[in-house]
Amino acid sequence: MVLGLLFGLLAGCAVFPSGDSTRRGERGVSSAVLGDLATLDPCGLLRARRLERFGKVNRADTVSLDYCLFHLRPESGGLLQLAVGRLQDVNAAELTSDNPVRHVGGLRVVDEQPVPEHCGRRILFSDGIAMSVDVDLLSGDPEVGLCTVAGSGAEAAAEAVLAGGVEHRDFPPNSLARTDSCGLLPTEVVHRVAGLRRAERRASPAGHRCRWGGESIRVPSVELTLTAGEPPRRRDATAVVERTAGRRTVVDIIGDDPKVGLCAAETGHIPFGGPTAGEVEVAMLVVFLPEADGVRACEYARGLAEHVWPELPKR
């Protein structure tokens, strides 16, 4: 779960405020082609056979409600990871100004500039929402190019969307997926966190993530994410298991250096997936304080959890 958390945390720094005017009548409006964003199944956007020419493809463990992970093992060796389906509000003009754009049906696919061991593509809808297809090198030195895989994955996902192949999950009424994350934590409470006195909240398109601050890695932030994966547990010596607002809670300084002010508090909810999957829905709070240490960040995470956990749906 922490790996998924870091993925979302780092990605959040790259989100642009929506700059496109919304053109509601167009085919490329995200809600028109994707349906209910809160119940969208990102794992249904990509069929493994579309990537089998690159190697063996398998679904990876669940780490998010908003994107799906696949592992690709090329015949030349190594391991690639694809993350498909994450939605973000973007400034379309800025995103497309310096990046190559190609069309798949009525959708634009934007080729972002690659960085070492990473390549990403964005499927851009006309209302300023973009869907991500990201490829990362986890190990080895395979012959297949990361951007080649990302491009093929983005084309496959875009074609599935345009063909009406979008799938949705059937969540129970008390699921976190049906909960508005921003409605669980008042902004005036977040304002009590050091450095966030004037922060405004920003919600993800599906409503599963709410964020205050964090415009850059130098700015404090609070992020509340409603997600899914393995049950929260102690992973290292800095993690502690405690009771917060009547819920079992794992509080953990993130990373190898406790001097870095980054801490997560998470609590499990109801089962996710099939009865044998062993996965659960998870509510997770992350506090980042660039001018403090992990202990201080965890103090704030605990305090915020005292406000959020009682507002979660009953199990």
C-alpha atoms as a PDB file:
ATOM      1  CA  MET A   1       0.000   0.000   0.000  1.00  0.00           C
ATOM      2  CA  VAL A   2       2.861   2.382   0.787  1.00  0.00           C
ATOM      3  CA  LEU A   3       4.239   1.971  -2.760  1.00  0.00           C
ATOM      4  CA  GLY A   4       0.878   2.953  -4.140  1.00  0.00           C
ATOM      5  CA  LEU A   5       0.802   5.866  -1.739  1.00  0.00           C
ATOM      6  CA  LEU A   6       4.158   7.164  -2.952  1.00  0.00           C
ATOM      7  CA  PHE A   7       3.015   6.791  -6.560  1.00  0.00           C
ATOM      8  CA  GLY A   8      -0.015   8.949  -5.874  1.00  0.00           C
ATOM      9  CA  LEU A   9       1.872  11.422  -3.708  1.00  0.00           C
ATOM     10  CA  LEU A  10       4.542  12.095  -6.308  1.00  0.00           C
ATOM     11  CA  ALA A  11       2.016  12.184  -9.105  1.00  0.00           C
ATOM     12  CA  GLY A  12      -0.002  14.757  -7.188  1.00  0.00           C
ATOM     13  CA  CYS A  13       2.802  17.277  -7.502  1.00  0.00           C
ATOM     14  CA  ALA A  14       2.421  17.140 -11.276  1.00  0.00           C
ATOM     15  CA  VAL A  15      -1.318  17.846 -11.381  1.00  0.00           C
ATOM     16  CA  PHE A  16      -2.290  21.073 -13.107  1.00  0.00           C
ATOM     17  CA  PRO A  17      -5.516  22.881 -12.276  1.00  0.00           C
ATOM     18  CA  SER A  18      -8.076  22.351 -14.983  1.00  0.00           C
ATOM     19  CA  GLY A  19      -7.619  24.974 -17.701  1.00  0.00           C
ATOM     20  CA  ASP A  20      -9.846  23.759 -20.547  1.00  0.00           C
ATOM     21  CA  SER A  21     -13.373  25.048 -20.861  1.00  0.00           C
ATOM     22  CA  THR A  22     -15.756  22.118 -20.477  1.00  0.00           C
ATOM     23  CA  ARG A  23     -17.582  21.217 -23.685  1.00  0.00           C
ATOM     24  CA  ARG A  24     -20.331  19.004 -22.364  1.00  0.00           C
ATOM     25  CA  GLY A  25     -21.842  17.876 -25.628  1.00  0.00           C
ATOM     26  CA  GLU A  26     -18.728  16.233 -27.015  1.00  0.00           C
ATOM     27  CA  ARG A  27     -17.963  12.554 -27.288  1.00  0.00           C
ATOM     28  CA  GLY A  28     -14.659  13.069 -25.499  1.00  0.00           C
ATOM     29  CA  VAL A  29     -16.171  14.268 -22.223  1.00  0.00           C
ATOM     30  CA  SER A  30     -14.885  11.831 -19.578  1.00  0.00           C
ATOM     31  CA  SER A  31     -18.202  11.240 -17.808  1.00  0.00           C
ATOM     32  CA  ALA A  32     -19.941  10.524 -21.122  1.00  0.00           C
ATOM     33  CA  VAL A  33     -17.524   7.785 -22.197  1.00  0.00           C
ATOM     34  CA  LEU A  34     -16.388   6.458 -18.818  1.00  0.00           C
ATOM     35  CA  GLY A  35     -19.636   6.632 -16.845  1.00  0.00           C
ATOM     36  CA  ASP A  36     -19.489   6.877 -13.058  1.00  0.00           C
ATOM     37  CA  LEU A  37     -15.843   7.639 -12.329  1.00  0.00           C
ATOM     38  CA  ALA A  38     -16.160   6.453  -8.709  1.00  0.00           C
ATOM     39  CA  THR A  39     -16.970   2.876  -9.776  1.00  0.00           C
ATOM     40  CA  LEU A  40     -14.789   2.680 -12.895  1.00  0.00           C
ATOM     41  CA  ASP A  41     -12.779  -0.558 -13.049  1.00  0.00           C
ATOM     42  CA  PRO A  42      -9.338   0.453 -14.383  1.00  0.00           C
ATOM     43  CA  CYS A  43      -8.330  -3.201 -14.747  1.00  0.00           C
ATOM     44  CA  GLY A  44     -10.888  -3.600 -17.515  1.00  0.00           C
ATOM     45  CA  LEU A  45      -9.237  -0.928 -19.667  1.00  0.00           C
ATOM     46  CA  LEU A  46      -6.395  -3.140 -20.839  1.00  0.00           C
ATOM     47  CA  ARG A  47      -6.513  -6.678 -22.153  1.00  0.00           C
ATOM     48  CA  ALA A  48      -3.278  -8.530 -21.453  1.00  0.00           C
ATOM     49  CA  ARG A  49      -3.211 -10.006 -24.947  1.00  0.00           C
ATOM     50  CA  ARG A  50      -2.646  -6.519 -26.394  1.00  0.00           C
ATOM     51  CA  LEU A  51       0.819  -6.512 -24.825  1.00  0.00           C
ATOM     52  CA  GLU A  52       1.769 -10.173 -25.150  1.00  0.00           C
ATOM     53  CA  ARG A  53       3.981  -9.439 -28.169  1.00  0.00           C
ATOM     54  CA  PHE A  54       6.334  -7.742 -25.698  1.00  0.00           C
ATOM     55  CA  GLY A  55       6.420 -10.634 -23.224  1.00  0.00           C
ATOM     56  CA  LYS A  56       4.393 -12.348 -20.518  1.00  0.00           C
ATOM     57  CA  VAL A  57       1.760 -10.107 -18.901  1.00  0.00           C
ATOM     58  CA  ASN A  58       0.153 -10.631 -15.476  1.00  0.00           C
ATOM     59  CA  ARG A  59      -2.069  -8.589 -13.200  1.00  0.00           C
ATOM     60  CA  ALA A  60      -0.218  -7.326 -10.138  1.00  0.00           C
ATOM     61  CA  ASP A  61      -1.600  -6.894  -6.629  1.00  0.00           C
ATOM     62  CA  THR A  62      -4.189  -4.195  -6.030  1.00  0.00           C
ATOM     63  CA  VAL A  63      -2.787  -0.931  -4.639  1.00  0.00           C
ATOM     64  CA  SER A  64      -5.489   1.544  -5.680  1.00  0.00           C
ATOM     65  CA  LEU A  65      -9.150   1.968  -6.574  1.00  0.00           C
ATOM     66  CA  ASP A  66      -8.132   4.364  -9.340  1.00  0.00           C
ATOM     67  CA  TYR A  67      -5.494   2.529 -11.368  1.00  0.00           C
ATOM     68  CA  CYS A  68      -4.553  -1.060 -12.152  1.00  0.00           C
ATOM     69  CA  LEU A  69      -1.062  -2.559 -12.146  1.00  0.00           C
ATOM     70  CA  PHE A  70       0.267  -5.076 -14.666  1.00  0.00           C
ATOM     71  CA  HIS A  71       3.666  -6.773 -14.734  1.00  0.00           C
ATOM     72  CA  LEU A  72       5.377  -7.447 -18.053  1.00  0.00           C
ATOM     73  CA  ARG A  73       8.330  -9.829 -18.363  1.00  0.00           C
ATOM     74  CA  PRO A  74       9.997  -9.407 -21.780  1.00  0.00           C
ATOM     75  CA  GLU A  75      11.697 -12.438 -23.342  1.00  0.00           C
ATOM     76  CA  SER A  76      14.980 -10.509 -23.188  1.00  0.00           C
ATOM     77  CA  GLY A  77      14.699 -10.376 -19.402  1.00  0.00           C
ATOM     78  CA  GLY A  78      13.799  -7.754 -16.819  1.00  0.00           C
ATOM     79  CA  LEU A  79      10.487  -6.652 -15.349  1.00  0.00           C
ATOM     80  CA  LEU A  80       8.262  -3.733 -16.360  1.00  0.00           C
ATOM     81  CA  GLN A  81       5.281  -2.377 -14.467  1.00  0.00           C
ATOM     82  CA  LEU A  82       2.284  -0.715 -16.140  1.00  0.00           C
ATOM     83  CA  ALA A  83      -0.115   1.492 -14.198  1.00  0.00           C
ATOM     84  CA  VAL A  84      -3.321   2.062 -16.156  1.00  0.00           C
ATOM     85  CA  GLY A  85      -6.341   4.255 -15.475  1.00  0.00           C
ATOM     86  CA  ARG A  86      -5.342   7.026 -13.058  1.00  0.00           C
ATOM     87  CA  LEU A  87      -7.443  10.139 -13.769  1.00  0.00           C
ATOM     88  CA  GLN A  88      -6.247  13.698 -13.196  1.00  0.00           C
ATOM     89  CA  ASP A  89      -7.463  17.207 -13.871  1.00  0.00           C
ATOM     90  CA  VAL A  90      -4.912  18.798 -16.190  1.00  0.00           C
ATOM     91  CA  ASN A  91      -4.265  22.002 -18.065  1.00  0.00           C
ATOM     92  CA  ALA A  92      -4.700  20.610 -21.570  1.00  0.00           C
ATOM     93  CA  ALA A  93      -3.042  23.559 -23.294  1.00  0.00           C
ATOM     94  CA  GLU A  94       0.083  23.193 -21.164  1.00  0.00           C
ATOM     95  CA  LEU A  95       0.122  19.411 -21.436  1.00  0.00           C
ATOM     96  CA  THR A  96      -0.042  19.487 -25.250  1.00  0.00           C
ATOM     97  CA  SER A  97       2.137  22.545 -25.922  1.00  0.00           C
ATOM     98  CA  ASP A  98       5.525  20.772 -25.871  1.00  0.00           C
ATOM     99  CA  ASN A  99       4.525  17.107 -26.132  1.00  0.00           C
ATOM    100  CA  PRO A 100       3.687  15.067 -29.246  1.00  0.00           C
ATOM    101  CA  VAL A 101      -0.041  14.428 -29.670  1.00  0.00           C
ATOM    102  CA  ARG A 102      -1.695  11.754 -31.783  1.00  0.00           C
ATOM    103  CA  HIS A 103      -5.344  10.864 -32.237  1.00  0.00           C
ATOM    104  CA  VAL A 104      -7.019   7.550 -31.469  1.00  0.00           C
ATOM    105  CA  GLY A 105     -10.564   7.924 -32.698  1.00  0.00           C
ATOM    106  CA  GLY A 106     -11.935  11.037 -31.040  1.00  0.00           C
ATOM    107  CA  LEU A 107      -9.374  11.056 -28.234  1.00  0.00           C
ATOM    108  CA  ARG A 108      -5.954  12.663 -28.026  1.00  0.00           C
ATOM    109  CA  VAL A 109      -3.014  10.631 -26.713  1.00  0.00           C
ATOM    110  CA  VAL A 110      -0.185  12.786 -25.377  1.00  0.00           C
ATOM    111  CA  ASP A 111       3.378  11.441 -25.297  1.00  0.00           C
ATOM    112  CA  GLU A 112       5.097  12.809 -22.214  1.00  0.00           C
ATOM    113  CA  GLN A 113       8.851  13.179 -22.232  1.00  0.00           C
ATOM    114  CA  PRO A 114      10.461  10.051 -20.765  1.00  0.00           C
ATOM    115  CA  VAL A 115      12.774  10.096 -17.782  1.00  0.00           C
ATOM    116  CA  PRO A 116      15.200   7.333 -16.766  1.00  0.00           C
ATOM    117  CA  GLU A 117      13.316   4.078 -16.111  1.00  0.00           C
ATOM    118  CA  HIS A 118       9.903   5.697 -16.709  1.00  0.00           C
ATOM    119  CA  CYS A 119       7.655   6.616 -19.628  1.00  0.00           C
ATOM    120  CA  GLY A 120       4.080   7.895 -19.583  1.00  0.00           C
ATOM    121  CA  ARG A 121       1.184   8.537 -21.932  1.00  0.00           C
ATOM    122  CA  ARG A 122      -1.961  10.568 -21.249  1.00  0.00           C
ATOM    123  CA  ILE A 123      -5.358   9.994 -22.850  1.00  0.00           C
ATOM    124  CA  LEU A 124      -6.903  13.455 -22.921  1.00  0.00           C
ATOM    125  CA  PHE A 125     -10.656  14.008 -22.705  1.00  0.00           C
ATOM    126  CA  SER A 126     -12.284  17.234 -23.818  1.00  0.00           C
ATOM    127  CA  ASP A 127     -13.271  18.308 -20.300  1.00  0.00           C
ATOM    128  CA  GLY A 128      -9.671  18.616 -19.083  1.00  0.00           C
ATOM    129  CA  ILE A 129      -9.409  15.176 -17.491  1.00  0.00           C
ATOM    130  CA  ALA A 130      -6.554  12.885 -18.523  1.00  0.00           C
ATOM    131  CA  MET A 131      -6.119   9.152 -18.029  1.00  0.00           C
ATOM    132  CA  SER A 132      -2.593   7.905 -17.395  1.00  0.00           C
ATOM    133  CA  VAL A 133      -0.741   4.901 -18.749  1.00  0.00           C
ATOM    134  CA  ASP A 134       2.651   4.741 -17.023  1.00  0.00           C
ATOM    135  CA  VAL A 135       5.447   2.220 -17.517  1.00  0.00           C
ATOM    136  CA  ASP A 136       8.323   1.798 -15.067  1.00  0.00           C
ATOM    137  CA  LEU A 137      11.389  -0.418 -15.208  1.00  0.00           C
ATOM    138  CA  LEU A 138      11.502  -2.459 -12.014  1.00  0.00           C
ATOM    139  CA  SER A 139      14.520  -4.611 -12.840  1.00  0.00           C
ATOM    140  CA  GLY A 140      16.881  -5.715 -15.598  1.00  0.00           C
ATOM    141  CA  ASP A 141      17.730  -4.159 -18.945  1.00  0.00           C
ATOM    142  CA  PRO A 142      15.135  -5.438 -21.435  1.00  0.00           C
ATOM    143  CA  GLU A 143      15.415  -4.732 -25.140  1.00  0.00           C
ATOM    144  CA  VAL A 144      11.828  -3.517 -25.437  1.00  0.00           C
ATOM    145  CA  GLY A 145      11.435   0.248 -25.010  1.00  0.00           C
ATOM    146  CA  LEU A 146       9.344   1.593 -22.130  1.00  0.00           C
ATOM    147  CA  CYS A 147       7.711   4.187 -24.371  1.00  0.00           C
ATOM    148  CA  THR A 148       6.816   1.548 -26.957  1.00  0.00           C
ATOM    149  CA  VAL A 149       4.949  -0.389 -24.276  1.00  0.00           C
ATOM    150  CA  ALA A 150       3.337   2.776 -22.878  1.00  0.00           C
ATOM    151  CA  GLY A 151       2.170   3.802 -26.335  1.00  0.00           C
ATOM    152  CA  SER A 152       0.629   0.422 -27.048  1.00  0.00           C
ATOM    153  CA  GLY A 153      -1.072   0.385 -23.664  1.00  0.00           C
ATOM    154  CA  ALA A 154      -2.501   3.869 -24.160  1.00  0.00           C
ATOM    155  CA  GLU A 155      -3.831   2.996 -27.610  1.00  0.00           C
ATOM    156  CA  ALA A 156      -5.466  -0.157 -26.262  1.00  0.00           C
ATOM    157  CA  ALA A 157      -7.086   1.733 -23.386  1.00  0.00           C
ATOM    158  CA  ALA A 158      -8.320   4.526 -25.690  1.00  0.00           C
ATOM    159  CA  GLU A 159      -9.787   2.006 -28.116  1.00  0.00           C
ATOM    160  CA  ALA A 160     -11.549   0.194 -25.255  1.00  0.00           C
ATOM    161  CA  VAL A 161     -13.069   3.478 -24.084  1.00  0.00           C
ATOM    162  CA  LEU A 162     -14.291   4.447 -27.556  1.00  0.00           C
ATOM    163  CA  ALA A 163     -15.689   0.963 -28.193  1.00  0.00           C
ATOM    164  CA  GLY A 164     -17.795   1.118 -25.043  1.00  0.00           C
ATOM    165  CA  GLY A 165     -15.673  -1.521 -23.328  1.00  0.00           C
ATOM    166  CA  VAL A 166     -15.468   0.338 -20.025  1.00  0.00           C
ATOM    167  CA  GLU A 167     -16.281  -1.851 -17.023  1.00  0.00           C
ATOM    168  CA  HIS A 168     -17.568  -0.842 -13.598  1.00  0.00           C
ATOM    169  CA  ARG A 169     -17.289  -2.456 -10.197  1.00  0.00           C
ATOM    170  CA  ASP A 170     -20.340  -3.250  -8.100  1.00  0.00           C
ATOM    171  CA  PHE A 171     -19.587  -1.788  -4.666  1.00  0.00           C
ATOM    172  CA  PRO A 172     -21.845  -2.218  -1.607  1.00  0.00           C
ATOM    173  CA  PRO A 173     -23.494   0.898  -0.138  1.00  0.00           C
ATOM    174  CA  ASN A 174     -20.929   1.122   2.686  1.00  0.00           C
ATOM    175  CA  SER A 175     -17.929   0.962   0.351  1.00  0.00           C
ATOM    176  CA  LEU A 176     -15.256   3.643   0.538  1.00  0.00           C
ATOM    177  CA  ALA A 177     -15.453   3.827  -3.257  1.00  0.00           C
ATOM    178  CA  ARG A 178     -18.859   5.463  -2.907  1.00  0.00           C
ATOM    179  CA  THR A 179     -17.595   7.962  -0.329  1.00  0.00           C
ATOM    180  CA  ASP A 180     -16.533  11.533  -1.085  1.00  0.00           C
ATOM    181  CA  SER A 181     -13.032  11.783   0.379  1.00  0.00           C
ATOM    182  CA  CYS A 182     -13.151  15.583   0.677  1.00  0.00           C
ATOM    183  CA  GLY A 183     -16.364  15.341   2.681  1.00  0.00           C
ATOM    184  CA  LEU A 184     -14.617  13.366   5.418  1.00  0.00           C
ATOM    185  CA  LEU A 185     -12.189  16.052   6.558  1.00  0.00           C
ATOM    186  CA  PRO A 186     -13.121  19.732   7.009  1.00  0.00           C
ATOM    187  CA  THR A 187     -10.618  22.158   5.519  1.00  0.00           C
ATOM    188  CA  GLU A 188     -10.638  24.199   8.728  1.00  0.00           C
ATOM    189  CA  VAL A 189      -9.192  21.164  10.522  1.00  0.00           C
ATOM    190  CA  VAL A 190      -6.417  20.839   7.937  1.00  0.00           C
ATOM    191  CA  HIS A 191      -5.605  24.516   8.450  1.00  0.00           C
ATOM    192  CA  ARG A 192      -4.307  23.584  11.913  1.00  0.00           C
ATOM    193  CA  VAL A 193      -1.432  21.671  10.312  1.00  0.00           C
ATOM    194  CA  ALA A 194       1.826  23.623  10.207  1.00  0.00           C
ATOM    195  CA  GLY A 195       2.208  25.477   6.911  1.00  0.00           C
ATOM    196  CA  LEU A 196      -1.321  24.790   5.658  1.00  0.00           C
ATOM    197  CA  ARG A 197      -3.246  27.683   7.215  1.00  0.00           C
ATOM    198  CA  ARG A 198      -4.392  28.931   3.792  1.00  0.00           C
ATOM    199  CA  ALA A 199      -4.489  25.636   1.888  1.00  0.00           C
ATOM    200  CA  GLU A 200      -7.436  24.838  -0.356  1.00  0.00           C
ATOM    201  CA  ARG A 201      -8.660  21.332  -0.997  1.00  0.00           C
ATOM    202  CA  ARG A 202      -8.428  19.621  -4.391  1.00  0.00           C
ATOM    203  CA  ALA A 203     -10.371  16.483  -5.221  1.00  0.00           C
ATOM    204  CA  SER A 204      -9.407  13.814  -7.732  1.00  0.00           C
ATOM    205  CA  PRO A 205     -11.921  13.228 -10.564  1.00  0.00           C
ATOM    206  CA  ALA A 206     -13.256   9.997  -9.022  1.00  0.00           C
ATOM    207  CA  GLY A 207     -13.474  11.543  -5.552  1.00  0.00           C
ATOM    208  CA  HIS A 208     -11.233   8.931  -3.947  1.00  0.00           C
ATOM    209  CA  ARG A 209      -8.425  11.364  -3.135  1.00  0.00           C
ATOM    210  CA  CYS A 210      -8.495  14.787  -1.496  1.00  0.00           C
ATOM    211  CA  ARG A 211      -5.394  16.920  -1.164  1.00  0.00           C
ATOM    212  CA  TRP A 212      -4.419  20.132   0.569  1.00  0.00           C
ATOM    213  CA  GLY A 213      -1.142  21.899  -0.277  1.00  0.00           C
ATOM    214  CA  GLY A 214       1.649  19.955  -1.980  1.00  0.00           C
ATOM    215  CA  GLU A 215       1.988  22.230  -4.998  1.00  0.00           C
ATOM    216  CA  SER A 216       5.677  21.305  -4.934  1.00  0.00           C
ATOM    217  CA  ILE A 217       8.002  19.136  -2.846  1.00  0.00           C
ATOM    218  CA  ARG A 218       8.804  22.224  -0.754  1.00  0.00           C
ATOM    219  CA  VAL A 219       5.186  22.802   0.280  1.00  0.00           C
ATOM    220  CA  PRO A 220       3.533  20.903   3.178  1.00  0.00           C
ATOM    221  CA  SER A 221       0.610  18.692   2.270  1.00  0.00           C
ATOM    222  CA  VAL A 222      -2.166  16.528   3.638  1.00  0.00           C
ATOM    223  CA  GLU A 223      -3.674  13.835   1.457  1.00  0.00           C
ATOM    224  CA  LEU A 224      -6.643  11.605   2.252  1.00  0.00           C
ATOM    225  CA  THR A 225      -6.957   8.593  -0.056  1.00  0.00           C
ATOM    226  CA  LEU A 226      -9.664   5.947  -0.192  1.00  0.00           C
ATOM    227  CA  THR A 227      -7.989   2.942  -1.742  1.00  0.00           C
ATOM    228  CA  ALA A 228      -7.719  -0.858  -1.669  1.00  0.00           C
ATOM    229  CA  GLY A 229      -5.074  -3.556  -1.298  1.00  0.00           C
ATOM    230  CA  GLU A 230      -3.533  -5.717   1.369  1.00  0.00           C
ATOM    231  CA  PRO A 231      -4.682  -5.069   4.963  1.00  0.00           C
ATOM    232  CA  PRO A 232      -2.606  -2.428   6.769  1.00  0.00           C
ATOM    233  CA  ARG A 233       0.266  -3.940   8.753  1.00  0.00           C
ATOM    234  CA  ARG A 234       3.618  -3.105  10.297  1.00  0.00           C
ATOM    235  CA  ARG A 235       6.292  -3.122   7.581  1.00  0.00           C
ATOM    236  CA  ASP A 236       9.306  -1.734   9.420  1.00  0.00           C
ATOM    237  CA  ALA A 237      10.637  -0.681  12.791  1.00  0.00           C
ATOM    238  CA  THR A 238       9.062   2.794  12.621  1.00  0.00           C
ATOM    239  CA  ALA A 239       5.503   1.469  12.214  1.00  0.00           C
ATOM    240  CA  VAL A 240       3.144   1.132  15.170  1.00  0.00           C
ATOM    241  CA  VAL A 241      -0.301  -0.442  15.459  1.00  0.00           C
ATOM    242  CA  GLU A 242      -2.737   1.419  17.683  1.00  0.00           C
ATOM    243  CA  ARG A 243      -6.426   2.196  18.203  1.00  0.00           C
ATOM    244  CA  THR A 244      -7.613   5.496  16.794  1.00  0.00           C
ATOM    245  CA  ALA A 245     -11.263   6.482  17.132  1.00  0.00           C
ATOM    246  CA  GLY A 246     -12.047   2.817  17.775  1.00  0.00           C
ATOM    247  CA  ARG A 247     -10.322   1.547  14.618  1.00  0.00           C
ATOM    248  CA  ARG A 248      -7.159  -0.490  14.269  1.00  0.00           C
ATOM    249  CA  THR A 249      -4.659   1.947  12.744  1.00  0.00           C
ATOM    250  CA  VAL A 250      -1.138   1.567  11.403  1.00  0.00           C
ATOM    251  CA  VAL A 251       0.980   4.704  11.715  1.00  0.00           C
ATOM    252  CA  ASP A 252       4.288   4.689   9.892  1.00  0.00           C
ATOM    253  CA  ILE A 253       7.083   7.093   9.016  1.00  0.00           C
ATOM    254  CA  ILE A 254       7.542   6.667   5.280  1.00  0.00           C
ATOM    255  CA  GLY A 255      10.997   6.059   3.851  1.00  0.00           C
ATOM    256  CA  ASP A 256      14.352   5.163   5.325  1.00  0.00           C
ATOM    257  CA  ASP A 257      15.084   8.478   7.041  1.00  0.00           C
ATOM    258  CA  PRO A 258      12.941   9.424  10.073  1.00  0.00           C
ATOM    259  CA  LYS A 259      14.272  12.977   9.751  1.00  0.00           C
ATOM    260  CA  VAL A 260      12.053  13.383   6.684  1.00  0.00           C
ATOM    261  CA  GLY A 261       8.608  14.658   7.693  1.00  0.00           C
ATOM    262  CA  LEU A 262       6.487  12.111   5.853  1.00  0.00           C
ATOM    263  CA  CYS A 263       4.013   9.886   7.694  1.00  0.00           C
ATOM    264  CA  ALA A 264       0.987   7.733   6.870  1.00  0.00           C
ATOM    265  CA  ALA A 265      -1.922   6.580   9.013  1.00  0.00           C
ATOM    266  CA  GLU A 266      -4.164   3.882   7.534  1.00  0.00           C
ATOM    267  CA  THR A 267      -7.089   1.764   8.596  1.00  0.00           C
ATOM    268  CA  GLY A 268      -8.766  -1.197   6.925  1.00  0.00           C
ATOM    269  CA  HIS A 269     -12.427  -1.266   5.961  1.00  0.00           C
ATOM    270  CA  ILE A 270     -14.533  -3.961   4.273  1.00  0.00           C
ATOM    271  CA  PRO A 271     -13.215  -6.764   2.000  1.00  0.00           C
ATOM    272  CA  PHE A 272     -12.305  -5.858  -1.573  1.00  0.00           C
ATOM    273  CA  GLY A 273     -12.478  -8.226  -4.532  1.00  0.00           C
ATOM    274  CA  GLY A 274     -13.291 -11.904  -4.291  1.00  0.00           C
ATOM    275  CA  PRO A 275     -13.605 -13.791  -0.999  1.00  0.00           C
ATOM    276  CA  THR A 276     -10.199 -15.416  -1.466  1.00  0.00           C
ATOM    277  CA  ALA A 277      -8.344 -12.277  -2.542  1.00  0.00           C
ATOM    278  CA  GLY A 278      -7.404 -11.289   1.002  1.00  0.00           C
ATOM    279  CA  GLU A 279      -7.627  -7.595   0.090  1.00  0.00           C
ATOM    280  CA  VAL A 280      -9.549  -4.815   1.828  1.00  0.00           C
ATOM    281  CA  GLU A 281     -10.575  -1.248   1.241  1.00  0.00           C
ATOM    282  CA  VAL A 282      -8.280   1.187   3.052  1.00  0.00           C
ATOM    283  CA  ALA A 283      -8.554   4.770   4.246  1.00  0.00           C
ATOM    284  CA  MET A 284      -5.144   6.422   4.318  1.00  0.00           C
ATOM    285  CA  LEU A 285      -3.948   9.807   5.538  1.00  0.00           C
ATOM    286  CA  VAL A 286      -0.538  11.124   4.511  1.00  0.00           C
ATOM    287  CA  VAL A 287       1.103  14.171   6.047  1.00  0.00           C
ATOM    288  CA  PHE A 288       4.197  15.762   4.535  1.00  0.00           C
ATOM    289  CA  LEU A 289       6.085  18.471   6.446  1.00  0.00           C
ATOM    290  CA  PRO A 290       9.311  19.483   4.661  1.00  0.00           C
ATOM    291  CA  GLU A 291      10.521  21.503   7.671  1.00  0.00           C
ATOM    292  CA  ALA A 292       9.817  18.810  10.302  1.00  0.00           C
ATOM    293  CA  ASP A 293      10.695  15.191  11.002  1.00  0.00           C
ATOM    294  CA  GLY A 294       8.672  12.005  10.711  1.00  0.00           C
ATOM    295  CA  VAL A 295       7.669  11.990  14.373  1.00  0.00           C
ATOM    296  CA  ARG A 296       6.050  15.407  14.037  1.00  0.00           C
ATOM    297  CA  ALA A 297       4.316  14.420  10.810  1.00  0.00           C
ATOM    298  CA  CYS A 298       2.890  11.341  12.548  1.00  0.00           C
ATOM    299  CA  GLU A 299       1.498  13.484  15.358  1.00  0.00           C
ATOM    300  CA  TYR A 300      -0.534  15.397  12.805  1.00  0.00           C
ATOM    301  CA  ALA A 301      -1.541  12.208  10.991  1.00  0.00           C
ATOM    302  CA  ARG A 302      -2.925  10.780  14.244  1.00  0.00           C
ATOM    303  CA  GLY A 303      -4.829  13.972  14.974  1.00  0.00           C
ATOM    304  CA  LEU A 304      -6.400  14.057  11.525  1.00  0.00           C
ATOM    305  CA  ALA A 305      -7.341  10.379  11.762  1.00  0.00           C
ATOM    306  CA  GLU A 306      -9.286  11.181  14.933  1.00  0.00           C
ATOM    307  CA  HIS A 307     -11.488  13.417  12.755  1.00  0.00           C
ATOM    308  CA  VAL A 308     -11.723  11.177   9.674  1.00  0.00           C
ATOM    309  CA  TRP A 309     -12.197   7.642  11.011  1.00  0.00           C
ATOM    310  CA  PRO A 310     -15.541   8.365  12.772  1.00  0.00           C
ATOM    311  CA  GLU A 311     -16.906   9.709   9.458  1.00  0.00           C
ATOM    312  CA  LEU A 312     -16.161   6.525   7.506  1.00  0.00           C
ATOM    313  CA  PRO A 313     -19.097   4.276   6.546  1.00  0.00           C
ATOM    314  CA  LYS A 314     -20.056   1.609   9.063  1.00  0.00           C
ATOM    315  CA  ARG A 315     -18.523  -1.806   8.445  1.00  0.00           C
END
